[in-house]
């Protein structure tokens, strides 16, 4: 197995991907601007940016492992605590959630500029500090210290890539329904609450779990 707890990783990253956020808003906006192809090209740019975050995360993980096994465990504990904090924040946000995404307007197909669409998606992801911090906290939880941090990080980014592409392209193809759904406060509240609960439980599980690390 390339990473530890792969089932937990897939479940967590899927739920997080389905949660409406900046990436979802970008895909919907560009689909409204240029149709399905524009939305799919934007999604490809967004998902390509995940590899940048994975590489930087792997560099940090490798540097920590080179220092000591104890330091790696400390990083994992800090990361797990961060996930719990994100989860609690989502649970609190679910209490007062409203329509957080601007998904108004109808699809008005214009001439596609594939380079522009890819660039917008790629930069919106790479320059998003929340994604960078999340990857730094999330990926170490599933790294096997005995293997290559870079290969494992890229493998996890690839899983995230596939899940995100499927979700975002589906949204792009079903824009009219997605707009109604993402504008529904009840749906957003449910998503925030579900995401928060999953993150808290995952963080607690990771803190309590003792994974062997050789020094």
C-alpha atoms as a PDB file:
ATOM      1  CA  UNK A   1       0.000   0.000   0.000  1.00  0.00           C
ATOM      2  CA  UNK A   2       1.368   3.390  -1.004  1.00  0.00           C
ATOM      3  CA  UNK A   3      -0.074   5.331   1.935  1.00  0.00           C
ATOM      4  CA  UNK A   4      -1.434   4.587   5.396  1.00  0.00           C
ATOM      5  CA  UNK A   5      -5.184   4.519   6.064  1.00  0.00           C
ATOM      6  CA  UNK A   6      -6.066   4.939   2.388  1.00  0.00           C
ATOM      7  CA  UNK A   7      -9.763   4.291   3.056  1.00  0.00           C
ATOM      8  CA  UNK A   8      -9.914   7.135   5.596  1.00  0.00           C
ATOM      9  CA  UNK A   9      -8.072   9.406   3.178  1.00  0.00           C
ATOM     10  CA  UNK A  10     -10.483   8.725   0.312  1.00  0.00           C
ATOM     11  CA  UNK A  11     -13.548   9.279   2.492  1.00  0.00           C
ATOM     12  CA  UNK A  12     -12.207  12.503   3.997  1.00  0.00           C
ATOM     13  CA  UNK A  13     -10.943  14.017   0.739  1.00  0.00           C
ATOM     14  CA  UNK A  14     -14.205  13.139  -1.041  1.00  0.00           C
ATOM     15  CA  UNK A  15     -16.365  14.878   1.552  1.00  0.00           C
ATOM     16  CA  UNK A  16     -14.068  17.888   1.587  1.00  0.00           C
ATOM     17  CA  UNK A  17     -14.133  18.069  -2.215  1.00  0.00           C
ATOM     18  CA  UNK A  18     -17.928  18.043  -2.266  1.00  0.00           C
ATOM     19  CA  UNK A  19     -18.080  20.976   0.149  1.00  0.00           C
ATOM     20  CA  UNK A  20     -18.845  24.243  -1.733  1.00  0.00           C
ATOM     21  CA  UNK A  21     -15.917  26.631  -1.725  1.00  0.00           C
ATOM     22  CA  UNK A  22     -13.674  28.790  -3.895  1.00  0.00           C
ATOM     23  CA  UNK A  23     -12.963  26.031  -6.438  1.00  0.00           C
ATOM     24  CA  UNK A  24     -16.657  25.268  -6.851  1.00  0.00           C
ATOM     25  CA  UNK A  25     -17.488  28.941  -7.285  1.00  0.00           C
ATOM     26  CA  UNK A  26     -14.754  29.340  -9.908  1.00  0.00           C
ATOM     27  CA  UNK A  27     -16.023  26.379 -11.953  1.00  0.00           C
ATOM     28  CA  UNK A  28     -19.611  27.606 -11.810  1.00  0.00           C
ATOM     29  CA  UNK A  29     -18.630  31.150 -12.755  1.00  0.00           C
ATOM     30  CA  UNK A  30     -16.608  30.065 -15.764  1.00  0.00           C
ATOM     31  CA  UNK A  31     -19.245  27.574 -16.871  1.00  0.00           C
ATOM     32  CA  UNK A  32     -21.725  30.446 -16.823  1.00  0.00           C
ATOM     33  CA  UNK A  33     -19.292  32.454 -18.902  1.00  0.00           C
ATOM     34  CA  UNK A  34     -18.255  29.916 -21.526  1.00  0.00           C
ATOM     35  CA  UNK A  35     -20.280  26.746 -21.146  1.00  0.00           C
ATOM     36  CA  UNK A  36     -19.299  23.182 -20.283  1.00  0.00           C
ATOM     37  CA  UNK A  37     -15.884  23.237 -21.960  1.00  0.00           C
ATOM     38  CA  UNK A  38     -14.900  26.407 -20.106  1.00  0.00           C
ATOM     39  CA  UNK A  39     -15.946  24.857 -16.783  1.00  0.00           C
ATOM     40  CA  UNK A  40     -14.084  21.613 -17.458  1.00  0.00           C
ATOM     41  CA  UNK A  41     -10.916  23.450 -18.531  1.00  0.00           C
ATOM     42  CA  UNK A  42     -11.088  25.548 -15.369  1.00  0.00           C
ATOM     43  CA  UNK A  43     -11.494  22.385 -13.296  1.00  0.00           C
ATOM     44  CA  UNK A  44      -8.438  20.863 -14.972  1.00  0.00           C
ATOM     45  CA  UNK A  45      -6.426  23.952 -14.027  1.00  0.00           C
ATOM     46  CA  UNK A  46      -7.645  23.820 -10.426  1.00  0.00           C
ATOM     47  CA  UNK A  47      -6.841  20.129 -10.051  1.00  0.00           C
ATOM     48  CA  UNK A  48      -3.418  20.544 -11.667  1.00  0.00           C
ATOM     49  CA  UNK A  49      -2.569  23.015  -8.917  1.00  0.00           C
ATOM     50  CA  UNK A  50      -2.973  20.241  -6.347  1.00  0.00           C
ATOM     51  CA  UNK A  51       0.362  18.768  -7.434  1.00  0.00           C
ATOM     52  CA  UNK A  52       2.123  22.008  -6.563  1.00  0.00           C
ATOM     53  CA  UNK A  53       0.774  21.850  -3.017  1.00  0.00           C
ATOM     54  CA  UNK A  54       1.642  18.146  -2.812  1.00  0.00           C
ATOM     55  CA  UNK A  55       5.261  18.781  -3.822  1.00  0.00           C
ATOM     56  CA  UNK A  56       5.740  21.560  -1.280  1.00  0.00           C
ATOM     57  CA  UNK A  57       4.119  19.403   1.381  1.00  0.00           C
ATOM     58  CA  UNK A  58       6.458  16.509   0.519  1.00  0.00           C
ATOM     59  CA  UNK A  59       9.507  18.776   0.774  1.00  0.00           C
ATOM     60  CA  UNK A  60       8.435  19.824   4.264  1.00  0.00           C
ATOM     61  CA  UNK A  61       7.680  16.254   5.327  1.00  0.00           C
ATOM     62  CA  UNK A  62      11.036  14.997   4.034  1.00  0.00           C
ATOM     63  CA  UNK A  63      12.873  17.726   5.907  1.00  0.00           C
ATOM     64  CA  UNK A  64      11.076  16.817   9.138  1.00  0.00           C
ATOM     65  CA  UNK A  65      11.754  13.089   8.709  1.00  0.00           C
ATOM     66  CA  UNK A  66      15.423  13.849   8.149  1.00  0.00           C
ATOM     67  CA  UNK A  67      15.528  15.497  11.567  1.00  0.00           C
ATOM     68  CA  UNK A  68      13.796  12.947  13.795  1.00  0.00           C
ATOM     69  CA  UNK A  69      10.891  10.554  14.135  1.00  0.00           C
ATOM     70  CA  UNK A  70       9.686  12.438  17.213  1.00  0.00           C
ATOM     71  CA  UNK A  71       9.490  15.693  15.266  1.00  0.00           C
ATOM     72  CA  UNK A  72       7.443  13.956  12.577  1.00  0.00           C
ATOM     73  CA  UNK A  73       4.992  12.744  15.215  1.00  0.00           C
ATOM     74  CA  UNK A  74       4.752  16.294  16.558  1.00  0.00           C
ATOM     75  CA  UNK A  75       3.944  17.591  13.081  1.00  0.00           C
ATOM     76  CA  UNK A  76       1.236  14.936  12.745  1.00  0.00           C
ATOM     77  CA  UNK A  77      -0.291  15.942  16.090  1.00  0.00           C
ATOM     78  CA  UNK A  78      -0.293  19.613  15.102  1.00  0.00           C
ATOM     79  CA  UNK A  79      -1.877  18.704  11.781  1.00  0.00           C
ATOM     80  CA  UNK A  80      -4.559  16.605  13.457  1.00  0.00           C
ATOM     81  CA  UNK A  81      -5.308  19.470  15.854  1.00  0.00           C
ATOM     82  CA  UNK A  82      -5.634  21.779  12.850  1.00  0.00           C
ATOM     83  CA  UNK A  83      -8.156  19.400  11.257  1.00  0.00           C
ATOM     84  CA  UNK A  84     -10.181  19.421  14.478  1.00  0.00           C
ATOM     85  CA  UNK A  85     -10.082  23.233  14.461  1.00  0.00           C
ATOM     86  CA  UNK A  86     -11.322  23.282  10.859  1.00  0.00           C
ATOM     87  CA  UNK A  87     -14.089  20.872  11.809  1.00  0.00           C
ATOM     88  CA  UNK A  88     -15.228  22.957  14.781  1.00  0.00           C
ATOM     89  CA  UNK A  89     -15.164  26.068  12.573  1.00  0.00           C
ATOM     90  CA  UNK A  90     -17.405  24.316  10.031  1.00  0.00           C
ATOM     91  CA  UNK A  91     -19.813  23.203  12.743  1.00  0.00           C
ATOM     92  CA  UNK A  92     -20.051  26.765  14.050  1.00  0.00           C
ATOM     93  CA  UNK A  93     -20.475  28.132  10.531  1.00  0.00           C
ATOM     94  CA  UNK A  94     -23.314  25.680   9.905  1.00  0.00           C
ATOM     95  CA  UNK A  95     -25.357  27.463  12.570  1.00  0.00           C
ATOM     96  CA  UNK A  96     -25.424  30.732  10.638  1.00  0.00           C
ATOM     97  CA  UNK A  97     -24.829  29.582   7.097  1.00  0.00           C
ATOM     98  CA  UNK A  98     -26.397  31.413   4.187  1.00  0.00           C
ATOM     99  CA  UNK A  99     -25.791  31.532   0.496  1.00  0.00           C
ATOM    100  CA  UNK A 100     -21.992  31.834   0.499  1.00  0.00           C
ATOM    101  CA  UNK A 101     -21.496  31.291  -3.206  1.00  0.00           C
ATOM    102  CA  UNK A 102     -22.396  33.711  -5.949  1.00  0.00           C
ATOM    103  CA  UNK A 103     -24.031  31.424  -8.444  1.00  0.00           C
ATOM    104  CA  UNK A 104     -26.568  33.787  -9.957  1.00  0.00           C
ATOM    105  CA  UNK A 105     -26.995  34.288 -13.643  1.00  0.00           C
ATOM    106  CA  UNK A 106     -27.551  31.894 -16.515  1.00  0.00           C
ATOM    107  CA  UNK A 107     -25.211  30.092 -18.851  1.00  0.00           C
ATOM    108  CA  UNK A 108     -24.173  32.465 -21.598  1.00  0.00           C
ATOM    109  CA  UNK A 109     -21.710  30.712 -23.841  1.00  0.00           C
ATOM    110  CA  UNK A 110     -18.946  32.932 -25.180  1.00  0.00           C
ATOM    111  CA  UNK A 111     -15.849  32.131 -27.197  1.00  0.00           C
ATOM    112  CA  UNK A 112     -13.658  29.753 -25.218  1.00  0.00           C
ATOM    113  CA  UNK A 113     -10.146  30.813 -24.301  1.00  0.00           C
ATOM    114  CA  UNK A 114      -8.715  27.537 -22.994  1.00  0.00           C
ATOM    115  CA  UNK A 115      -5.434  29.084 -21.819  1.00  0.00           C
ATOM    116  CA  UNK A 116      -7.293  31.758 -19.861  1.00  0.00           C
ATOM    117  CA  UNK A 117      -9.632  29.221 -18.274  1.00  0.00           C
ATOM    118  CA  UNK A 118      -6.784  26.888 -17.289  1.00  0.00           C
ATOM    119  CA  UNK A 119      -4.723  29.788 -15.946  1.00  0.00           C
ATOM    120  CA  UNK A 120      -7.586  31.115 -13.833  1.00  0.00           C
ATOM    121  CA  UNK A 121      -8.239  27.698 -12.319  1.00  0.00           C
ATOM    122  CA  UNK A 122      -4.578  26.892 -11.750  1.00  0.00           C
ATOM    123  CA  UNK A 123      -3.712  30.217 -10.112  1.00  0.00           C
ATOM    124  CA  UNK A 124      -6.850  30.288  -7.968  1.00  0.00           C
ATOM    125  CA  UNK A 125      -5.765  26.962  -6.468  1.00  0.00           C
ATOM    126  CA  UNK A 126      -1.995  27.473  -6.237  1.00  0.00           C
ATOM    127  CA  UNK A 127      -2.353  30.945  -4.694  1.00  0.00           C
ATOM    128  CA  UNK A 128      -4.999  29.852  -2.191  1.00  0.00           C
ATOM    129  CA  UNK A 129      -3.254  29.792   1.217  1.00  0.00           C
ATOM    130  CA  UNK A 130      -6.024  27.670   2.706  1.00  0.00           C
ATOM    131  CA  UNK A 131      -5.235  24.838   0.287  1.00  0.00           C
ATOM    132  CA  UNK A 132      -1.512  25.097   1.027  1.00  0.00           C
ATOM    133  CA  UNK A 133      -2.014  24.964   4.791  1.00  0.00           C
ATOM    134  CA  UNK A 134      -4.544  22.157   4.469  1.00  0.00           C
ATOM    135  CA  UNK A 135      -2.181  19.993   2.439  1.00  0.00           C
ATOM    136  CA  UNK A 136       0.654  20.630   4.915  1.00  0.00           C
ATOM    137  CA  UNK A 137      -1.605  19.494   7.760  1.00  0.00           C
ATOM    138  CA  UNK A 138      -3.552  16.754   5.982  1.00  0.00           C
ATOM    139  CA  UNK A 139      -1.076  14.742   3.921  1.00  0.00           C
ATOM    140  CA  UNK A 140       1.368  13.886   6.751  1.00  0.00           C
ATOM    141  CA  UNK A 141      -1.419  12.002   8.511  1.00  0.00           C
ATOM    142  CA  UNK A 142      -1.274   9.308   5.809  1.00  0.00           C
ATOM    143  CA  UNK A 143       2.450   9.245   5.005  1.00  0.00           C
ATOM    144  CA  UNK A 144       4.346   6.023   5.663  1.00  0.00           C
ATOM    145  CA  UNK A 145       7.720   7.218   7.047  1.00  0.00           C
ATOM    146  CA  UNK A 146       9.365   4.144   5.543  1.00  0.00           C
ATOM    147  CA  UNK A 147       8.459   5.213   2.002  1.00  0.00           C
ATOM    148  CA  UNK A 148       9.054   8.218  -0.218  1.00  0.00           C
ATOM    149  CA  UNK A 149       7.179  11.287   1.019  1.00  0.00           C
ATOM    150  CA  UNK A 150       7.172  12.751  -2.504  1.00  0.00           C
ATOM    151  CA  UNK A 151       5.709   9.661  -4.187  1.00  0.00           C
ATOM    152  CA  UNK A 152       3.070   9.264  -1.495  1.00  0.00           C
ATOM    153  CA  UNK A 153       2.134  12.958  -1.621  1.00  0.00           C
ATOM    154  CA  UNK A 154       1.800  12.894  -5.404  1.00  0.00           C
ATOM    155  CA  UNK A 155      -0.246   9.699  -5.146  1.00  0.00           C
ATOM    156  CA  UNK A 156      -2.671  11.388  -2.731  1.00  0.00           C
ATOM    157  CA  UNK A 157      -2.811  14.448  -4.970  1.00  0.00           C
ATOM    158  CA  UNK A 158      -3.691  12.136  -7.878  1.00  0.00           C
ATOM    159  CA  UNK A 159      -6.596  10.644  -5.919  1.00  0.00           C
ATOM    160  CA  UNK A 160      -7.750  14.157  -5.053  1.00  0.00           C
ATOM    161  CA  UNK A 161      -7.319  15.151  -8.720  1.00  0.00           C
ATOM    162  CA  UNK A 162      -9.636  12.389  -9.959  1.00  0.00           C
ATOM    163  CA  UNK A 163     -12.306  13.009  -7.312  1.00  0.00           C
ATOM    164  CA  UNK A 164     -12.260  16.780  -7.803  1.00  0.00           C
ATOM    165  CA  UNK A 165     -12.393  16.523 -11.606  1.00  0.00           C
ATOM    166  CA  UNK A 166     -15.369  14.175 -11.473  1.00  0.00           C
ATOM    167  CA  UNK A 167     -17.219  16.425  -9.035  1.00  0.00           C
ATOM    168  CA  UNK A 168     -16.446  19.754 -10.672  1.00  0.00           C
ATOM    169  CA  UNK A 169     -17.132  18.535 -14.211  1.00  0.00           C
ATOM    170  CA  UNK A 170     -20.423  17.076 -13.032  1.00  0.00           C
ATOM    171  CA  UNK A 171     -21.313  20.460 -11.561  1.00  0.00           C
ATOM    172  CA  UNK A 172     -20.368  22.134 -14.794  1.00  0.00           C
ATOM    173  CA  UNK A 173     -22.570  19.756 -16.764  1.00  0.00           C
ATOM    174  CA  UNK A 174     -25.518  20.226 -14.425  1.00  0.00           C
ATOM    175  CA  UNK A 175     -25.125  23.946 -13.822  1.00  0.00           C
ATOM    176  CA  UNK A 176     -28.788  24.808 -13.597  1.00  0.00           C
ATOM    177  CA  UNK A 177     -29.398  22.217 -10.880  1.00  0.00           C
ATOM    178  CA  UNK A 178     -26.125  22.997  -9.139  1.00  0.00           C
ATOM    179  CA  UNK A 179     -26.972  26.695  -8.957  1.00  0.00           C
ATOM    180  CA  UNK A 180     -30.235  25.950  -7.209  1.00  0.00           C
ATOM    181  CA  UNK A 181     -28.592  23.472  -4.840  1.00  0.00           C
ATOM    182  CA  UNK A 182     -25.634  25.680  -3.911  1.00  0.00           C
ATOM    183  CA  UNK A 183     -27.967  28.617  -3.296  1.00  0.00           C
ATOM    184  CA  UNK A 184     -29.997  26.586  -0.808  1.00  0.00           C
ATOM    185  CA  UNK A 185     -29.079  27.535   2.802  1.00  0.00           C
ATOM    186  CA  UNK A 186     -30.352  24.177   4.089  1.00  0.00           C
ATOM    187  CA  UNK A 187     -28.008  22.285   1.761  1.00  0.00           C
ATOM    188  CA  UNK A 188     -25.052  24.490   2.693  1.00  0.00           C
ATOM    189  CA  UNK A 189     -25.825  24.054   6.393  1.00  0.00           C
ATOM    190  CA  UNK A 190     -25.938  20.272   5.964  1.00  0.00           C
ATOM    191  CA  UNK A 191     -22.643  20.266   4.067  1.00  0.00           C
ATOM    192  CA  UNK A 192     -20.909  22.488   6.641  1.00  0.00           C
ATOM    193  CA  UNK A 193     -22.163  20.332   9.496  1.00  0.00           C
ATOM    194  CA  UNK A 194     -21.204  17.044   7.836  1.00  0.00           C
ATOM    195  CA  UNK A 195     -17.763  18.310   6.895  1.00  0.00           C
ATOM    196  CA  UNK A 196     -17.159  19.659  10.394  1.00  0.00           C
ATOM    197  CA  UNK A 197     -18.141  16.388  12.060  1.00  0.00           C
ATOM    198  CA  UNK A 198     -15.924  14.334   9.716  1.00  0.00           C
ATOM    199  CA  UNK A 199     -12.915  16.599  10.307  1.00  0.00           C
ATOM    200  CA  UNK A 200     -13.295  16.519  14.089  1.00  0.00           C
ATOM    201  CA  UNK A 201     -13.672  12.726  14.152  1.00  0.00           C
ATOM    202  CA  UNK A 202     -10.747  12.267  11.779  1.00  0.00           C
ATOM    203  CA  UNK A 203      -8.548  14.584  13.818  1.00  0.00           C
ATOM    204  CA  UNK A 204      -9.395  12.785  17.069  1.00  0.00           C
ATOM    205  CA  UNK A 205      -8.780   9.405  15.441  1.00  0.00           C
ATOM    206  CA  UNK A 206      -5.386  10.506  14.164  1.00  0.00           C
ATOM    207  CA  UNK A 207      -4.349  11.886  17.554  1.00  0.00           C
ATOM    208  CA  UNK A 208      -5.338   8.685  19.343  1.00  0.00           C
ATOM    209  CA  UNK A 209      -3.788   6.438  16.722  1.00  0.00           C
ATOM    210  CA  UNK A 210      -0.215   5.354  17.375  1.00  0.00           C
ATOM    211  CA  UNK A 211       1.637   4.853  14.120  1.00  0.00           C
ATOM    212  CA  UNK A 212       5.119   3.295  14.366  1.00  0.00           C
ATOM    213  CA  UNK A 213       7.919   5.527  13.143  1.00  0.00           C
ATOM    214  CA  UNK A 214      11.525   4.423  13.123  1.00  0.00           C
ATOM    215  CA  UNK A 215      14.074   6.916  14.362  1.00  0.00           C
END
